[in-house]
Amino acid sequence: VTYTADTLDELLRINPHLKIYFIMGMDSLKSLHLWHRYKDVVDKCHLLVFDRDTDKHNDIDSYIYENAKIEYIHNDKMDVSSSEIRELISDGNIPYKMLPDGVSDYIIEHGLYVN
């Protein structure tokens, strides 16, 4: 098990002046407060958050991320989330049409996201 906060610690230990950008979807931002040491994640990197037309960020900003460096990237062309893909796979459905070529093979080969 590895945690994002631990990975950030290691990257910054190797290069303390590194400026880290963490790319995530709005669904991940909404649940970030549930992550292991989420405050460290927020403190140690800039969050680039993909949103969709339906996403609202005014209620997110006031969550618990008051010191977060968040930049929203609007994208209405991808109506898919990593959480949705992981959920489908854990239910035994490989979403081939939602993944680039080779990614589904890698997921199957390594048994990723399977309960």
N, C-alpha and C. Protein backbone atom coordinates (compact mmCIF):
# COMPACT_ATOMS: atom_id res chain seq x y z
N VAL A 1 0.85 -1.18 0.00
CA VAL A 1 0.00 0.00 0.00
C VAL A 1 0.89 1.24 0.00
N THR A 2 0.59 2.13 -0.93
CA THR A 2 1.29 3.41 -0.94
C THR A 2 0.24 4.52 -0.92
N TYR A 3 0.60 5.60 -0.31
CA TYR A 3 -0.30 6.74 -0.20
C TYR A 3 0.31 7.93 -0.93
N THR A 4 -0.54 8.74 -1.48
CA THR A 4 -0.09 9.94 -2.19
C THR A 4 0.77 10.82 -1.29
N ALA A 5 0.37 10.99 -0.04
CA ALA A 5 1.13 11.83 0.88
C ALA A 5 2.55 11.31 1.06
N ASP A 6 2.71 9.98 1.13
CA ASP A 6 4.04 9.39 1.27
C ASP A 6 4.88 9.60 0.01
N THR A 7 4.24 9.47 -1.16
CA THR A 7 4.94 9.70 -2.42
C THR A 7 5.41 11.14 -2.51
N LEU A 8 4.55 12.07 -2.12
CA LEU A 8 4.94 13.49 -2.12
C LEU A 8 6.10 13.74 -1.17
N ASP A 9 6.06 13.12 0.01
CA ASP A 9 7.17 13.25 0.97
C ASP A 9 8.49 12.81 0.33
N GLU A 10 8.46 11.67 -0.35
CA GLU A 10 9.67 11.12 -0.96
C GLU A 10 10.17 12.03 -2.08
N LEU A 11 9.26 12.49 -2.93
CA LEU A 11 9.66 13.38 -4.02
C LEU A 11 10.29 14.66 -3.48
N LEU A 12 9.70 15.20 -2.42
CA LEU A 12 10.23 16.45 -1.85
C LEU A 12 11.49 16.21 -1.03
N ARG A 13 11.67 15.01 -0.52
CA ARG A 13 12.93 14.68 0.17
C ARG A 13 14.07 14.68 -0.85
N ILE A 14 13.81 14.10 -2.02
CA ILE A 14 14.82 14.03 -3.08
C ILE A 14 15.10 15.42 -3.66
N ASN A 15 14.05 16.21 -3.84
CA ASN A 15 14.20 17.55 -4.41
C ASN A 15 13.26 18.51 -3.67
N PRO A 16 13.76 19.15 -2.61
CA PRO A 16 12.91 20.01 -1.78
C PRO A 16 12.31 21.22 -2.50
N HIS A 17 12.87 21.58 -3.65
CA HIS A 17 12.39 22.75 -4.39
C HIS A 17 11.43 22.38 -5.51
N LEU A 18 11.07 21.12 -5.57
CA LEU A 18 10.19 20.63 -6.63
C LEU A 18 8.79 21.24 -6.49
N LYS A 19 8.25 21.67 -7.60
CA LYS A 19 6.88 22.17 -7.63
C LYS A 19 6.03 21.05 -8.24
N ILE A 20 5.12 20.50 -7.45
CA ILE A 20 4.36 19.32 -7.87
C ILE A 20 2.93 19.70 -8.23
N TYR A 21 2.50 19.19 -9.37
CA TYR A 21 1.11 19.35 -9.81
C TYR A 21 0.46 17.98 -9.76
N PHE A 22 -0.68 17.91 -9.10
CA PHE A 22 -1.40 16.64 -8.98
C PHE A 22 -2.71 16.78 -9.76
N ILE A 23 -2.87 15.93 -10.77
CA ILE A 23 -4.05 16.01 -11.63
C ILE A 23 -5.09 15.03 -11.13
N MET A 24 -6.32 15.52 -10.97
CA MET A 24 -7.42 14.67 -10.51
C MET A 24 -8.72 15.15 -11.10
N GLY A 25 -9.72 14.33 -11.00
CA GLY A 25 -11.06 14.72 -11.41
C GLY A 25 -11.82 15.32 -10.24
N MET A 26 -12.93 15.96 -10.56
CA MET A 26 -13.74 16.59 -9.52
C MET A 26 -14.21 15.56 -8.49
N ASP A 27 -14.50 14.33 -8.93
CA ASP A 27 -14.95 13.30 -8.00
C ASP A 27 -13.88 13.01 -6.95
N SER A 28 -12.61 13.03 -7.35
CA SER A 28 -11.53 12.81 -6.39
C SER A 28 -11.39 13.98 -5.43
N LEU A 29 -11.55 15.19 -5.94
CA LEU A 29 -11.48 16.35 -5.06
C LEU A 29 -12.58 16.31 -4.00
N LYS A 30 -13.77 15.88 -4.41
CA LYS A 30 -14.89 15.83 -3.47
C LYS A 30 -14.64 14.84 -2.33
N SER A 31 -13.82 13.83 -2.58
CA SER A 31 -13.56 12.84 -1.53
C SER A 31 -12.15 12.95 -0.96
N LEU A 32 -11.42 13.98 -1.35
CA LEU A 32 -10.04 14.13 -0.90
C LEU A 32 -9.92 14.17 0.61
N HIS A 33 -10.89 14.72 1.29
CA HIS A 33 -10.82 14.81 2.75
C HIS A 33 -10.85 13.43 3.41
N LEU A 34 -11.12 12.38 2.65
CA LEU A 34 -11.11 11.01 3.17
C LEU A 34 -9.76 10.32 2.95
N TRP A 35 -8.88 10.94 2.20
CA TRP A 35 -7.58 10.35 1.89
C TRP A 35 -6.68 10.36 3.12
N HIS A 36 -5.76 9.42 3.16
CA HIS A 36 -4.73 9.36 4.19
C HIS A 36 -3.88 10.63 4.13
N ARG A 37 -3.81 11.36 5.24
CA ARG A 37 -3.03 12.60 5.35
C ARG A 37 -3.35 13.59 4.23
N TYR A 38 -4.64 13.77 3.97
CA TYR A 38 -5.05 14.65 2.86
C TYR A 38 -4.54 16.08 3.02
N LYS A 39 -4.41 16.56 4.25
CA LYS A 39 -3.92 17.93 4.45
C LYS A 39 -2.48 18.07 3.95
N ASP A 40 -1.69 17.02 4.10
CA ASP A 40 -0.32 17.05 3.56
C ASP A 40 -0.35 17.10 2.04
N VAL A 41 -1.27 16.37 1.44
CA VAL A 41 -1.40 16.39 -0.02
C VAL A 41 -1.71 17.81 -0.48
N VAL A 42 -2.67 18.42 0.16
CA VAL A 42 -3.09 19.79 -0.19
C VAL A 42 -1.95 20.78 0.02
N ASP A 43 -1.17 20.59 1.08
CA ASP A 43 -0.08 21.52 1.38
C ASP A 43 1.12 21.37 0.45
N LYS A 44 1.31 20.17 -0.10
CA LYS A 44 2.56 19.90 -0.81
C LYS A 44 2.46 19.94 -2.33
N CYS A 45 1.28 20.16 -2.85
CA CYS A 45 1.18 20.21 -4.30
C CYS A 45 0.06 21.15 -4.75
N HIS A 46 0.11 21.45 -6.03
CA HIS A 46 -0.94 22.23 -6.68
C HIS A 46 -1.90 21.22 -7.28
N LEU A 47 -3.18 21.42 -7.05
CA LEU A 47 -4.19 20.50 -7.58
C LEU A 47 -4.74 21.04 -8.89
N LEU A 48 -4.64 20.24 -9.93
CA LEU A 48 -5.25 20.56 -11.21
C LEU A 48 -6.47 19.65 -11.32
N VAL A 49 -7.65 20.25 -11.28
CA VAL A 49 -8.88 19.47 -11.18
C VAL A 49 -9.70 19.61 -12.45
N PHE A 50 -9.92 18.48 -13.11
CA PHE A 50 -10.79 18.46 -14.29
C PHE A 50 -12.23 18.48 -13.82
N ASP A 51 -12.98 19.42 -14.36
CA ASP A 51 -14.40 19.46 -14.04
C ASP A 51 -15.21 19.33 -15.33
N ARG A 52 -16.50 19.16 -15.14
CA ARG A 52 -17.41 19.06 -16.27
C ARG A 52 -18.47 20.14 -16.09
N ASP A 53 -19.29 20.31 -17.09
CA ASP A 53 -20.35 21.33 -17.01
C ASP A 53 -21.21 21.18 -15.76
N THR A 54 -21.43 19.95 -15.33
CA THR A 54 -22.34 19.71 -14.21
C THR A 54 -21.69 19.93 -12.85
N ASP A 55 -20.37 20.04 -12.82
CA ASP A 55 -19.67 20.18 -11.55
C ASP A 55 -19.80 21.60 -10.99
N LYS A 56 -19.91 21.65 -9.69
CA LYS A 56 -19.97 22.93 -8.99
C LYS A 56 -18.76 23.00 -8.07
N HIS A 57 -17.99 24.10 -8.14
CA HIS A 57 -16.86 24.17 -7.23
C HIS A 57 -17.03 25.16 -6.11
N ASN A 58 -18.06 25.95 -6.11
CA ASN A 58 -18.17 26.93 -5.02
C ASN A 58 -18.37 26.25 -3.67
N ASP A 59 -19.05 25.11 -3.61
CA ASP A 59 -19.19 24.42 -2.34
C ASP A 59 -17.95 23.60 -2.00
N ILE A 60 -17.16 23.20 -2.99
CA ILE A 60 -15.94 22.44 -2.76
C ILE A 60 -14.88 23.32 -2.11
N ASP A 61 -14.70 24.52 -2.63
CA ASP A 61 -13.65 25.40 -2.11
C ASP A 61 -13.78 25.64 -0.62
N SER A 62 -15.00 25.67 -0.12
CA SER A 62 -15.20 25.97 1.29
C SER A 62 -15.10 24.72 2.16
N TYR A 63 -14.92 23.57 1.54
CA TYR A 63 -14.80 22.30 2.27
C TYR A 63 -13.82 22.44 3.40
N ILE A 64 -12.67 21.82 3.23
CA ILE A 64 -11.63 21.83 4.25
C ILE A 64 -10.32 22.21 3.59
N TYR A 65 -10.41 22.67 2.37
CA TYR A 65 -9.22 22.91 1.57
C TYR A 65 -8.88 24.40 1.52
N GLU A 66 -9.00 25.07 2.63
CA GLU A 66 -8.85 26.53 2.62
C GLU A 66 -7.48 27.00 2.13
N ASN A 67 -6.42 26.22 2.35
CA ASN A 67 -5.09 26.63 1.90
C ASN A 67 -4.69 25.96 0.59
N ALA A 68 -5.60 25.27 -0.01
CA ALA A 68 -5.28 24.51 -1.22
C ALA A 68 -5.03 25.43 -2.40
N LYS A 69 -4.10 24.98 -3.23
CA LYS A 69 -3.83 25.66 -4.49
C LYS A 69 -4.55 24.83 -5.55
N ILE A 70 -5.75 25.27 -5.91
CA ILE A 70 -6.58 24.51 -6.84
C ILE A 70 -6.79 25.30 -8.12
N GLU A 71 -6.54 24.65 -9.24
CA GLU A 71 -6.86 25.25 -10.53
C GLU A 71 -7.82 24.29 -11.24
N TYR A 72 -8.94 24.83 -11.69
CA TYR A 72 -9.94 24.02 -12.36
C TYR A 72 -9.71 24.05 -13.86
N ILE A 73 -9.77 22.90 -14.46
CA ILE A 73 -9.59 22.76 -15.90
C ILE A 73 -10.90 22.24 -16.45
N HIS A 74 -11.57 23.08 -17.20
CA HIS A 74 -12.87 22.69 -17.74
C HIS A 74 -12.68 21.75 -18.92
N ASN A 75 -13.43 20.68 -18.90
CA ASN A 75 -13.36 19.70 -19.98
C ASN A 75 -14.72 19.06 -20.13
N ASP A 76 -15.44 19.40 -21.17
CA ASP A 76 -16.76 18.81 -21.36
C ASP A 76 -16.73 17.65 -22.36
N LYS A 77 -15.53 17.25 -22.80
CA LYS A 77 -15.43 16.19 -23.80
C LYS A 77 -15.28 14.81 -23.17
N MET A 78 -14.84 14.72 -21.93
CA MET A 78 -14.65 13.43 -21.27
C MET A 78 -15.72 13.25 -20.20
N ASP A 79 -16.70 12.48 -20.50
CA ASP A 79 -17.75 12.24 -19.52
C ASP A 79 -17.51 10.90 -18.84
N VAL A 80 -16.32 10.74 -18.29
CA VAL A 80 -15.95 9.50 -17.61
C VAL A 80 -15.04 9.87 -16.44
N SER A 81 -15.13 9.10 -15.38
CA SER A 81 -14.28 9.36 -14.23
C SER A 81 -13.50 8.10 -13.87
N SER A 82 -12.34 8.30 -13.26
CA SER A 82 -11.53 7.16 -12.84
C SER A 82 -12.27 6.34 -11.79
N SER A 83 -13.04 7.01 -10.94
CA SER A 83 -13.82 6.29 -9.92
C SER A 83 -14.84 5.36 -10.58
N GLU A 84 -15.47 5.86 -11.63
CA GLU A 84 -16.45 5.05 -12.35
C GLU A 84 -15.78 3.84 -12.99
N ILE A 85 -14.61 4.03 -13.57
CA ILE A 85 -13.87 2.93 -14.19
C ILE A 85 -13.48 1.90 -13.14
N ARG A 86 -12.94 2.34 -12.00
CA ARG A 86 -12.55 1.41 -10.94
C ARG A 86 -13.75 0.63 -10.42
N GLU A 87 -14.87 1.30 -10.28
CA GLU A 87 -16.09 0.64 -9.79
C GLU A 87 -16.56 -0.43 -10.78
N LEU A 88 -16.55 -0.12 -12.06
CA LEU A 88 -16.94 -1.10 -13.07
C LEU A 88 -16.03 -2.32 -13.03
N ILE A 89 -14.72 -2.09 -12.92
CA ILE A 89 -13.77 -3.20 -12.89
C ILE A 89 -13.95 -4.04 -11.64
N SER A 90 -14.16 -3.39 -10.49
CA SER A 90 -14.34 -4.16 -9.26
C SER A 90 -15.62 -4.98 -9.30
N ASP A 91 -16.58 -4.57 -10.13
CA ASP A 91 -17.82 -5.33 -10.31
C ASP A 91 -17.67 -6.40 -11.39
N GLY A 92 -16.47 -6.53 -11.96
CA GLY A 92 -16.21 -7.56 -12.95
C GLY A 92 -16.42 -7.15 -14.39
N ASN A 93 -16.60 -5.86 -14.63
CA ASN A 93 -16.82 -5.36 -16.00
C ASN A 93 -15.63 -4.51 -16.43
N ILE A 94 -14.97 -4.92 -17.49
CA ILE A 94 -13.85 -4.14 -18.02
C ILE A 94 -14.40 -3.15 -19.05
N PRO A 95 -14.29 -1.85 -18.78
CA PRO A 95 -14.84 -0.84 -19.70
C PRO A 95 -13.89 -0.52 -20.85
N TYR A 96 -13.76 -1.46 -21.79
CA TYR A 96 -12.80 -1.31 -22.90
C TYR A 96 -12.96 0.00 -23.65
N LYS A 97 -14.18 0.43 -23.88
CA LYS A 97 -14.41 1.64 -24.68
C LYS A 97 -14.04 2.92 -23.93
N MET A 98 -13.87 2.82 -22.61
CA MET A 98 -13.54 3.99 -21.81
C MET A 98 -12.04 4.13 -21.60
N LEU A 99 -11.26 3.14 -22.03
CA LEU A 99 -9.83 3.12 -21.76
C LEU A 99 -9.02 3.12 -23.05
N PRO A 100 -7.85 3.75 -23.02
CA PRO A 100 -6.96 3.70 -24.19
C PRO A 100 -6.49 2.26 -24.44
N ASP A 101 -6.11 1.97 -25.67
CA ASP A 101 -5.60 0.65 -26.02
C ASP A 101 -4.47 0.24 -25.07
N GLY A 102 -4.50 -0.99 -24.62
CA GLY A 102 -3.44 -1.52 -23.77
C GLY A 102 -3.69 -1.34 -22.28
N VAL A 103 -4.45 -0.33 -21.89
CA VAL A 103 -4.68 -0.08 -20.48
C VAL A 103 -5.53 -1.20 -19.86
N SER A 104 -6.58 -1.61 -20.56
CA SER A 104 -7.42 -2.70 -20.04
C SER A 104 -6.62 -3.99 -19.90
N ASP A 105 -5.74 -4.28 -20.88
CA ASP A 105 -4.89 -5.47 -20.80
C ASP A 105 -3.98 -5.41 -19.57
N TYR A 106 -3.41 -4.24 -19.31
CA TYR A 106 -2.53 -4.05 -18.16
C TYR A 106 -3.30 -4.26 -16.86
N ILE A 107 -4.50 -3.71 -16.79
CA ILE A 107 -5.35 -3.85 -15.59
C ILE A 107 -5.66 -5.32 -15.33
N ILE A 108 -6.04 -6.05 -16.39
CA ILE A 108 -6.35 -7.47 -16.25
C ILE A 108 -5.11 -8.27 -15.86
N GLU A 109 -4.00 -8.02 -16.55
CA GLU A 109 -2.76 -8.75 -16.30
C GLU A 109 -2.28 -8.61 -14.87
N HIS A 110 -2.44 -7.42 -14.29
CA HIS A 110 -1.94 -7.14 -12.94
C HIS A 110 -3.02 -7.23 -11.86
N GLY A 111 -4.24 -7.58 -12.26
CA GLY A 111 -5.33 -7.75 -11.29
C GLY A 111 -5.66 -6.48 -10.52
N LEU A 112 -5.61 -5.34 -11.21
CA LEU A 112 -5.87 -4.06 -10.54
C LEU A 112 -7.37 -3.84 -10.32
N TYR A 113 -7.70 -3.21 -9.24
CA TYR A 113 -9.06 -2.77 -8.89
C TYR A 113 -10.04 -3.92 -8.69
N VAL A 114 -9.55 -5.12 -8.51
CA VAL A 114 -10.43 -6.26 -8.32
C VAL A 114 -10.53 -6.53 -6.82
N ASN A 115 -11.76 -6.73 -6.36
CA ASN A 115 -11.96 -7.00 -4.92
C ASN A 115 -11.42 -8.35 -4.52
